[in-house]
Amino acid sequence: MKEKIVCFAGHRYDFQNIGIKDKLKEEIVKLINKGYTTFFDGGKGFFDTLSASIVIELKKEYPQIKIYRILTYYHHNKDKWKLPSCYDGSIMPDIEECHPKIKITKRNEWIVDNSDILVCHICETYKSGAYNTLKYAKKVNKPIIYI
């Protein structure tokens, strides 16, 4: 059976995400109950942190779920940087040859391309990487849940 993968896109600042935790958790639980077992975390801001913390919390109740950090680049000091043990692993997309200014965009596109559904909270569109990720998901006809 093919694993069903969820990804997230949302704003980096906490003030842009006020009051969404309960709704986000509710949607993640619904997805788990529909058979989604793998979650991709981009690790770039408050919404990513909130989404990952909910998934990690739910792992106690749903031990079958997994969460992976999707990297933009390898850390320059691998001896000091360790992925928290609550993650099931990390994945480095094939973007090492990309120009540094577009690596996050290419990483976000990889996340969308390798997921089955996008959960997002986008309230501002100007110069927003989250908004660009949402636009890309729409372009490739990815199912989207809006929080």
N, C-alpha and C. Protein backbone atom coordinates (compact mmCIF):
# COMPACT_ATOMS: atom_id res chain seq x y z
N MET A 1 0.83 -1.18 0.00
CA MET A 1 0.00 0.00 0.00
C MET A 1 0.88 1.26 0.00
N LYS A 2 0.61 2.18 -0.90
CA LYS A 2 1.38 3.41 -1.02
C LYS A 2 1.08 4.33 0.16
N GLU A 3 2.16 4.89 0.73
CA GLU A 3 1.95 5.84 1.82
C GLU A 3 1.31 7.12 1.27
N LYS A 4 0.49 7.74 2.08
CA LYS A 4 -0.15 9.00 1.72
C LYS A 4 0.55 10.11 2.49
N ILE A 5 1.00 11.13 1.74
CA ILE A 5 1.89 12.15 2.31
C ILE A 5 1.21 13.52 2.35
N VAL A 6 1.38 14.20 3.49
CA VAL A 6 0.84 15.54 3.71
C VAL A 6 2.00 16.53 3.79
N CYS A 7 1.83 17.69 3.17
CA CYS A 7 2.79 18.78 3.35
C CYS A 7 2.06 20.02 3.83
N PHE A 8 2.82 21.00 4.27
CA PHE A 8 2.27 22.21 4.85
C PHE A 8 2.87 23.44 4.21
N ALA A 9 2.09 24.54 4.18
CA ALA A 9 2.60 25.84 3.75
C ALA A 9 1.87 26.91 4.55
N GLY A 10 2.64 27.81 5.13
CA GLY A 10 2.05 28.89 5.91
C GLY A 10 3.10 29.91 6.27
N HIS A 11 2.66 30.94 6.94
CA HIS A 11 3.52 32.09 7.22
C HIS A 11 4.51 31.84 8.35
N ARG A 12 5.61 32.56 8.28
CA ARG A 12 6.70 32.36 9.24
C ARG A 12 6.48 33.05 10.57
N TYR A 13 5.66 34.09 10.63
CA TYR A 13 5.53 34.85 11.88
C TYR A 13 4.32 34.39 12.69
N ASP A 14 4.49 34.36 14.02
CA ASP A 14 3.42 33.86 14.88
C ASP A 14 2.16 34.71 14.79
N PHE A 15 2.28 36.04 14.64
CA PHE A 15 1.08 36.88 14.60
C PHE A 15 0.21 36.58 13.38
N GLN A 16 0.77 35.97 12.36
CA GLN A 16 0.00 35.61 11.16
C GLN A 16 -0.74 34.29 11.35
N ASN A 17 -0.52 33.64 12.46
CA ASN A 17 -1.09 32.31 12.69
C ASN A 17 -1.90 32.24 13.98
N ILE A 18 -2.35 33.36 14.48
CA ILE A 18 -3.10 33.40 15.74
C ILE A 18 -4.41 32.65 15.60
N GLY A 19 -4.69 31.79 16.57
CA GLY A 19 -5.98 31.12 16.65
C GLY A 19 -6.22 29.96 15.71
N ILE A 20 -5.17 29.40 15.11
CA ILE A 20 -5.40 28.32 14.14
C ILE A 20 -5.02 26.94 14.66
N LYS A 21 -4.41 26.86 15.83
CA LYS A 21 -3.88 25.58 16.31
C LYS A 21 -4.95 24.49 16.38
N ASP A 22 -6.10 24.78 16.99
CA ASP A 22 -7.14 23.76 17.14
C ASP A 22 -7.67 23.29 15.78
N LYS A 23 -7.91 24.22 14.87
CA LYS A 23 -8.39 23.87 13.52
C LYS A 23 -7.34 23.04 12.77
N LEU A 24 -6.08 23.44 12.89
CA LEU A 24 -5.00 22.70 12.23
C LEU A 24 -4.92 21.28 12.78
N LYS A 25 -4.97 21.14 14.08
CA LYS A 25 -4.92 19.80 14.69
C LYS A 25 -6.11 18.95 14.23
N GLU A 26 -7.28 19.55 14.20
CA GLU A 26 -8.49 18.84 13.75
C GLU A 26 -8.31 18.31 12.33
N GLU A 27 -7.76 19.14 11.45
CA GLU A 27 -7.55 18.72 10.05
C GLU A 27 -6.50 17.62 9.95
N ILE A 28 -5.44 17.71 10.74
CA ILE A 28 -4.41 16.68 10.71
C ILE A 28 -4.98 15.35 11.20
N VAL A 29 -5.78 15.37 12.25
CA VAL A 29 -6.42 14.15 12.75
C VAL A 29 -7.35 13.56 11.68
N LYS A 30 -8.11 14.40 11.00
CA LYS A 30 -8.98 13.92 9.91
C LYS A 30 -8.15 13.21 8.83
N LEU A 31 -7.01 13.80 8.49
CA LEU A 31 -6.16 13.20 7.46
C LEU A 31 -5.60 11.85 7.94
N ILE A 32 -5.18 11.77 9.19
CA ILE A 32 -4.69 10.50 9.73
C ILE A 32 -5.78 9.45 9.66
N ASN A 33 -6.99 9.84 10.00
CA ASN A 33 -8.12 8.89 9.95
C ASN A 33 -8.50 8.50 8.53
N LYS A 34 -8.05 9.28 7.54
CA LYS A 34 -8.27 8.94 6.13
C LYS A 34 -7.09 8.14 5.56
N GLY A 35 -6.10 7.82 6.40
CA GLY A 35 -4.99 6.98 5.95
C GLY A 35 -3.70 7.70 5.63
N TYR A 36 -3.64 8.99 5.86
CA TYR A 36 -2.38 9.72 5.65
C TYR A 36 -1.45 9.40 6.80
N THR A 37 -0.23 8.96 6.48
CA THR A 37 0.68 8.49 7.52
C THR A 37 2.02 9.22 7.55
N THR A 38 2.33 9.99 6.52
CA THR A 38 3.62 10.64 6.43
C THR A 38 3.43 12.14 6.27
N PHE A 39 4.24 12.89 7.02
CA PHE A 39 4.13 14.35 7.03
C PHE A 39 5.50 14.94 6.74
N PHE A 40 5.53 15.94 5.83
CA PHE A 40 6.76 16.63 5.48
C PHE A 40 6.78 18.00 6.17
N ASP A 41 7.88 18.30 6.85
CA ASP A 41 8.07 19.56 7.55
C ASP A 41 9.20 20.32 6.89
N GLY A 42 8.92 21.55 6.47
CA GLY A 42 9.95 22.38 5.86
C GLY A 42 10.84 23.09 6.87
N GLY A 43 10.35 23.24 8.11
CA GLY A 43 11.17 23.81 9.17
C GLY A 43 11.53 25.27 8.98
N LYS A 44 10.69 26.04 8.29
CA LYS A 44 11.03 27.45 8.01
C LYS A 44 9.96 28.41 8.52
N GLY A 45 9.77 28.50 9.80
CA GLY A 45 8.85 29.50 10.32
C GLY A 45 7.82 28.95 11.26
N PHE A 46 6.97 29.86 11.76
CA PHE A 46 6.01 29.50 12.80
C PHE A 46 5.00 28.45 12.35
N PHE A 47 4.43 28.59 11.15
CA PHE A 47 3.42 27.61 10.70
C PHE A 47 4.04 26.23 10.57
N ASP A 48 5.24 26.14 10.02
CA ASP A 48 5.92 24.85 9.93
C ASP A 48 6.17 24.27 11.32
N THR A 49 6.63 25.12 12.24
CA THR A 49 6.89 24.67 13.61
C THR A 49 5.61 24.19 14.28
N LEU A 50 4.53 24.95 14.11
CA LEU A 50 3.25 24.58 14.69
C LEU A 50 2.74 23.26 14.11
N SER A 51 2.79 23.13 12.80
CA SER A 51 2.34 21.89 12.15
C SER A 51 3.14 20.69 12.62
N ALA A 52 4.47 20.83 12.65
CA ALA A 52 5.33 19.73 13.08
C ALA A 52 5.07 19.38 14.54
N SER A 53 4.88 20.38 15.40
CA SER A 53 4.65 20.08 16.82
C SER A 53 3.35 19.33 17.02
N ILE A 54 2.34 19.64 16.23
CA ILE A 54 1.06 18.92 16.32
C ILE A 54 1.25 17.48 15.87
N VAL A 55 1.93 17.27 14.75
CA VAL A 55 2.17 15.91 14.26
C VAL A 55 2.97 15.11 15.30
N ILE A 56 4.00 15.72 15.84
CA ILE A 56 4.84 15.04 16.84
C ILE A 56 4.01 14.68 18.08
N GLU A 57 3.16 15.59 18.50
CA GLU A 57 2.26 15.32 19.64
C GLU A 57 1.31 14.16 19.32
N LEU A 58 0.80 14.13 18.10
CA LEU A 58 -0.15 13.09 17.70
C LEU A 58 0.50 11.72 17.52
N LYS A 59 1.83 11.69 17.38
CA LYS A 59 2.53 10.40 17.24
C LYS A 59 2.30 9.51 18.47
N LYS A 60 2.05 10.11 19.62
CA LYS A 60 1.77 9.32 20.83
C LYS A 60 0.46 8.55 20.69
N GLU A 61 -0.52 9.18 20.08
CA GLU A 61 -1.84 8.58 19.89
C GLU A 61 -1.91 7.74 18.62
N TYR A 62 -1.13 8.12 17.60
CA TYR A 62 -1.13 7.44 16.31
C TYR A 62 0.31 7.03 15.98
N PRO A 63 0.79 5.94 16.55
CA PRO A 63 2.21 5.56 16.38
C PRO A 63 2.59 5.21 14.94
N GLN A 64 1.62 5.03 14.07
CA GLN A 64 1.92 4.68 12.67
C GLN A 64 2.36 5.89 11.84
N ILE A 65 2.16 7.11 12.35
CA ILE A 65 2.52 8.27 11.54
C ILE A 65 4.00 8.59 11.65
N LYS A 66 4.51 9.24 10.62
CA LYS A 66 5.92 9.61 10.54
C LYS A 66 6.03 11.07 10.12
N ILE A 67 7.12 11.69 10.57
CA ILE A 67 7.39 13.07 10.15
C ILE A 67 8.85 13.18 9.72
N TYR A 68 9.05 13.84 8.58
CA TYR A 68 10.38 14.02 8.00
C TYR A 68 10.65 15.50 7.80
N ARG A 69 11.84 15.93 8.16
CA ARG A 69 12.28 17.30 7.88
C ARG A 69 12.86 17.30 6.48
N ILE A 70 12.36 18.20 5.64
CA ILE A 70 12.85 18.33 4.28
C ILE A 70 13.85 19.49 4.27
N LEU A 71 15.08 19.17 3.96
CA LEU A 71 16.18 20.13 4.06
C LEU A 71 16.30 21.00 2.81
N THR A 72 16.82 22.20 3.01
CA THR A 72 17.13 23.09 1.90
C THR A 72 18.60 22.98 1.53
N TYR A 73 19.41 22.70 2.53
CA TYR A 73 20.85 22.55 2.35
C TYR A 73 21.36 21.73 3.52
N TYR A 74 22.51 21.14 3.33
CA TYR A 74 23.15 20.43 4.43
C TYR A 74 23.77 21.45 5.36
N HIS A 75 23.66 21.24 6.63
CA HIS A 75 24.22 22.17 7.60
C HIS A 75 25.74 22.16 7.50
N HIS A 76 26.34 23.33 7.56
CA HIS A 76 27.79 23.45 7.40
C HIS A 76 28.57 22.80 8.54
N ASN A 77 27.94 22.62 9.69
CA ASN A 77 28.61 21.99 10.81
C ASN A 77 27.79 20.79 11.28
N LYS A 78 27.92 19.68 10.58
CA LYS A 78 27.10 18.50 10.84
C LYS A 78 27.32 17.92 12.24
N ASP A 79 28.50 18.16 12.82
CA ASP A 79 28.77 17.63 14.16
C ASP A 79 27.94 18.34 15.24
N LYS A 80 27.62 19.60 15.03
CA LYS A 80 26.86 20.37 16.01
C LYS A 80 25.36 20.34 15.73
N TRP A 81 24.97 20.13 14.49
CA TRP A 81 23.55 20.15 14.14
C TRP A 81 23.03 18.72 14.13
N LYS A 82 22.02 18.49 14.91
CA LYS A 82 21.38 17.16 14.96
C LYS A 82 19.89 17.33 14.78
N LEU A 83 19.30 16.48 13.99
CA LEU A 83 17.85 16.47 13.82
C LEU A 83 17.24 15.99 15.14
N PRO A 84 16.25 16.69 15.66
CA PRO A 84 15.62 16.23 16.91
C PRO A 84 15.13 14.79 16.78
N SER A 85 15.24 14.03 17.85
CA SER A 85 14.90 12.61 17.82
C SER A 85 13.42 12.33 17.59
N CYS A 86 12.57 13.34 17.72
CA CYS A 86 11.14 13.15 17.48
C CYS A 86 10.83 13.03 15.98
N TYR A 87 11.81 13.31 15.13
CA TYR A 87 11.64 13.14 13.68
C TYR A 87 12.02 11.72 13.28
N ASP A 88 11.42 11.26 12.21
CA ASP A 88 11.74 9.93 11.69
C ASP A 88 12.86 9.97 10.67
N GLY A 89 13.33 11.15 10.36
CA GLY A 89 14.43 11.29 9.42
C GLY A 89 14.37 12.61 8.70
N SER A 90 15.33 12.80 7.80
CA SER A 90 15.36 14.00 6.97
C SER A 90 15.60 13.58 5.52
N ILE A 91 15.19 14.46 4.63
CA ILE A 91 15.35 14.21 3.19
C ILE A 91 15.96 15.46 2.58
N MET A 92 16.96 15.26 1.75
CA MET A 92 17.57 16.37 1.01
C MET A 92 17.21 16.21 -0.45
N PRO A 93 16.29 17.04 -0.96
CA PRO A 93 15.96 16.97 -2.39
C PRO A 93 17.18 17.28 -3.25
N ASP A 94 17.12 16.91 -4.49
CA ASP A 94 18.22 17.12 -5.42
C ASP A 94 18.21 18.58 -5.91
N ILE A 95 18.60 19.50 -5.00
CA ILE A 95 18.61 20.93 -5.33
C ILE A 95 19.96 21.57 -5.03
N GLU A 96 20.95 20.74 -4.76
CA GLU A 96 22.26 21.29 -4.37
C GLU A 96 22.88 22.18 -5.44
N GLU A 97 22.57 21.92 -6.70
CA GLU A 97 23.17 22.71 -7.78
C GLU A 97 22.40 24.00 -8.06
N CYS A 98 21.26 24.20 -7.41
CA CYS A 98 20.46 25.41 -7.63
C CYS A 98 21.15 26.63 -7.02
N HIS A 99 20.89 27.77 -7.61
CA HIS A 99 21.39 29.02 -7.05
C HIS A 99 20.79 29.20 -5.65
N PRO A 100 21.59 29.68 -4.68
CA PRO A 100 21.09 29.83 -3.29
C PRO A 100 19.80 30.63 -3.16
N LYS A 101 19.57 31.61 -4.05
CA LYS A 101 18.37 32.44 -3.95
C LYS A 101 17.09 31.69 -4.31
N ILE A 102 17.20 30.56 -4.99
CA ILE A 102 15.97 29.83 -5.35
C ILE A 102 15.87 28.47 -4.67
N LYS A 103 16.81 28.15 -3.79
CA LYS A 103 16.79 26.83 -3.16
C LYS A 103 15.52 26.57 -2.35
N ILE A 104 15.06 27.54 -1.58
CA ILE A 104 13.85 27.31 -0.79
C ILE A 104 12.65 27.12 -1.71
N THR A 105 12.57 27.91 -2.78
CA THR A 105 11.47 27.74 -3.74
C THR A 105 11.51 26.35 -4.36
N LYS A 106 12.68 25.92 -4.79
CA LYS A 106 12.81 24.59 -5.40
C LYS A 106 12.52 23.48 -4.39
N ARG A 107 12.95 23.67 -3.13
CA ARG A 107 12.66 22.70 -2.08
C ARG A 107 11.15 22.62 -1.86
N ASN A 108 10.47 23.79 -1.82
CA ASN A 108 9.02 23.80 -1.62
C ASN A 108 8.29 23.12 -2.78
N GLU A 109 8.76 23.33 -3.99
CA GLU A 109 8.16 22.66 -5.15
C GLU A 109 8.36 21.15 -5.04
N TRP A 110 9.54 20.72 -4.61
CA TRP A 110 9.80 19.28 -4.42
C TRP A 110 8.84 18.71 -3.38
N ILE A 111 8.64 19.44 -2.28
CA ILE A 111 7.72 18.98 -1.24
C ILE A 111 6.33 18.78 -1.81
N VAL A 112 5.83 19.76 -2.56
CA VAL A 112 4.50 19.66 -3.17
C VAL A 112 4.44 18.49 -4.14
N ASP A 113 5.46 18.38 -5.00
CA ASP A 113 5.48 17.31 -6.00
C ASP A 113 5.48 15.92 -5.37
N ASN A 114 6.05 15.79 -4.18
CA ASN A 114 6.19 14.49 -3.54
C ASN A 114 5.18 14.25 -2.43
N SER A 115 4.15 15.08 -2.37
CA SER A 115 3.08 14.94 -1.39
C SER A 115 1.77 14.67 -2.12
N ASP A 116 0.81 14.19 -1.36
CA ASP A 116 -0.52 13.93 -1.92
C ASP A 116 -1.51 15.05 -1.64
N ILE A 117 -1.25 15.86 -0.62
CA ILE A 117 -2.16 16.94 -0.25
C ILE A 117 -1.39 18.03 0.47
N LEU A 118 -1.84 19.27 0.32
CA LEU A 118 -1.23 20.42 0.96
C LEU A 118 -2.21 20.99 1.98
N VAL A 119 -1.73 21.21 3.19
CA VAL A 119 -2.51 21.91 4.22
C VAL A 119 -1.87 23.28 4.36
N CYS A 120 -2.67 24.35 4.22
CA CYS A 120 -2.06 25.67 4.24
C CYS A 120 -2.87 26.69 5.04
N HIS A 121 -2.16 27.70 5.47
CA HIS A 121 -2.75 28.89 6.09
C HIS A 121 -2.02 30.08 5.51
N ILE A 122 -2.67 30.73 4.54
CA ILE A 122 -2.06 31.85 3.83
C ILE A 122 -3.00 33.05 3.98
N CYS A 123 -2.51 34.11 4.60
CA CYS A 123 -3.35 35.30 4.74
C CYS A 123 -2.74 36.52 4.06
N GLU A 124 -1.49 36.43 3.66
CA GLU A 124 -0.82 37.53 2.96
C GLU A 124 -0.13 36.96 1.73
N THR A 125 -0.20 37.70 0.64
CA THR A 125 0.34 37.19 -0.61
C THR A 125 1.58 37.93 -1.10
N TYR A 126 1.85 39.11 -0.60
CA TYR A 126 2.96 39.89 -1.10
C TYR A 126 4.30 39.28 -0.67
N LYS A 127 5.12 38.91 -1.64
CA LYS A 127 6.47 38.38 -1.40
C LYS A 127 6.46 37.23 -0.40
N SER A 128 5.48 36.39 -0.49
CA SER A 128 5.36 35.29 0.46
C SER A 128 5.76 33.98 -0.19
N GLY A 129 6.75 33.31 0.40
CA GLY A 129 7.12 31.99 -0.09
C GLY A 129 5.98 31.00 0.09
N ALA A 130 5.22 31.17 1.18
CA ALA A 130 4.06 30.29 1.41
C ALA A 130 3.03 30.48 0.30
N TYR A 131 2.78 31.71 -0.08
CA TYR A 131 1.83 31.98 -1.16
C TYR A 131 2.32 31.40 -2.48
N ASN A 132 3.62 31.53 -2.75
CA ASN A 132 4.17 30.95 -3.98
C ASN A 132 4.05 29.43 -3.98
N THR A 133 4.20 28.82 -2.81
CA THR A 133 4.02 27.37 -2.70
C THR A 133 2.57 27.00 -2.99
N LEU A 134 1.63 27.77 -2.46
CA LEU A 134 0.21 27.54 -2.73
C LEU A 134 -0.09 27.69 -4.23
N LYS A 135 0.45 28.74 -4.86
CA LYS A 135 0.24 28.92 -6.30
C LYS A 135 0.78 27.73 -7.08
N TYR A 136 1.95 27.24 -6.68
CA TYR A 136 2.53 26.08 -7.36
C TYR A 136 1.64 24.86 -7.18
N ALA A 137 1.14 24.65 -5.97
CA ALA A 137 0.26 23.49 -5.71
C ALA A 137 -0.99 23.57 -6.58
N LYS A 138 -1.55 24.76 -6.72
CA LYS A 138 -2.72 24.93 -7.60
C LYS A 138 -2.35 24.61 -9.05
N LYS A 139 -1.19 25.09 -9.47
CA LYS A 139 -0.73 24.89 -10.86
C LYS A 139 -0.61 23.40 -11.19
N VAL A 140 -0.15 22.60 -10.21
CA VAL A 140 0.03 21.17 -10.46
C VAL A 140 -1.18 20.33 -9.98
N ASN A 141 -2.28 21.04 -9.69
CA ASN A 141 -3.55 20.40 -9.31
C ASN A 141 -3.44 19.51 -8.06
N LYS A 142 -2.70 20.00 -7.08
CA LYS A 142 -2.57 19.28 -5.81
C LYS A 142 -3.81 19.59 -4.95
N PRO A 143 -4.43 18.59 -4.33
CA PRO A 143 -5.52 18.88 -3.40
C PRO A 143 -5.02 19.77 -2.26
N ILE A 144 -5.87 20.72 -1.84
CA ILE A 144 -5.47 21.70 -0.84
C ILE A 144 -6.54 21.81 0.24
N ILE A 145 -6.09 21.84 1.49
CA ILE A 145 -6.96 22.12 2.64
C ILE A 145 -6.55 23.48 3.17
N TYR A 146 -7.51 24.40 3.24
CA TYR A 146 -7.25 25.74 3.76
C TYR A 146 -7.63 25.82 5.23
N ILE A 147 -6.74 26.33 6.06
CA ILE A 147 -7.00 26.52 7.47
C ILE A 147 -7.36 27.99 7.68
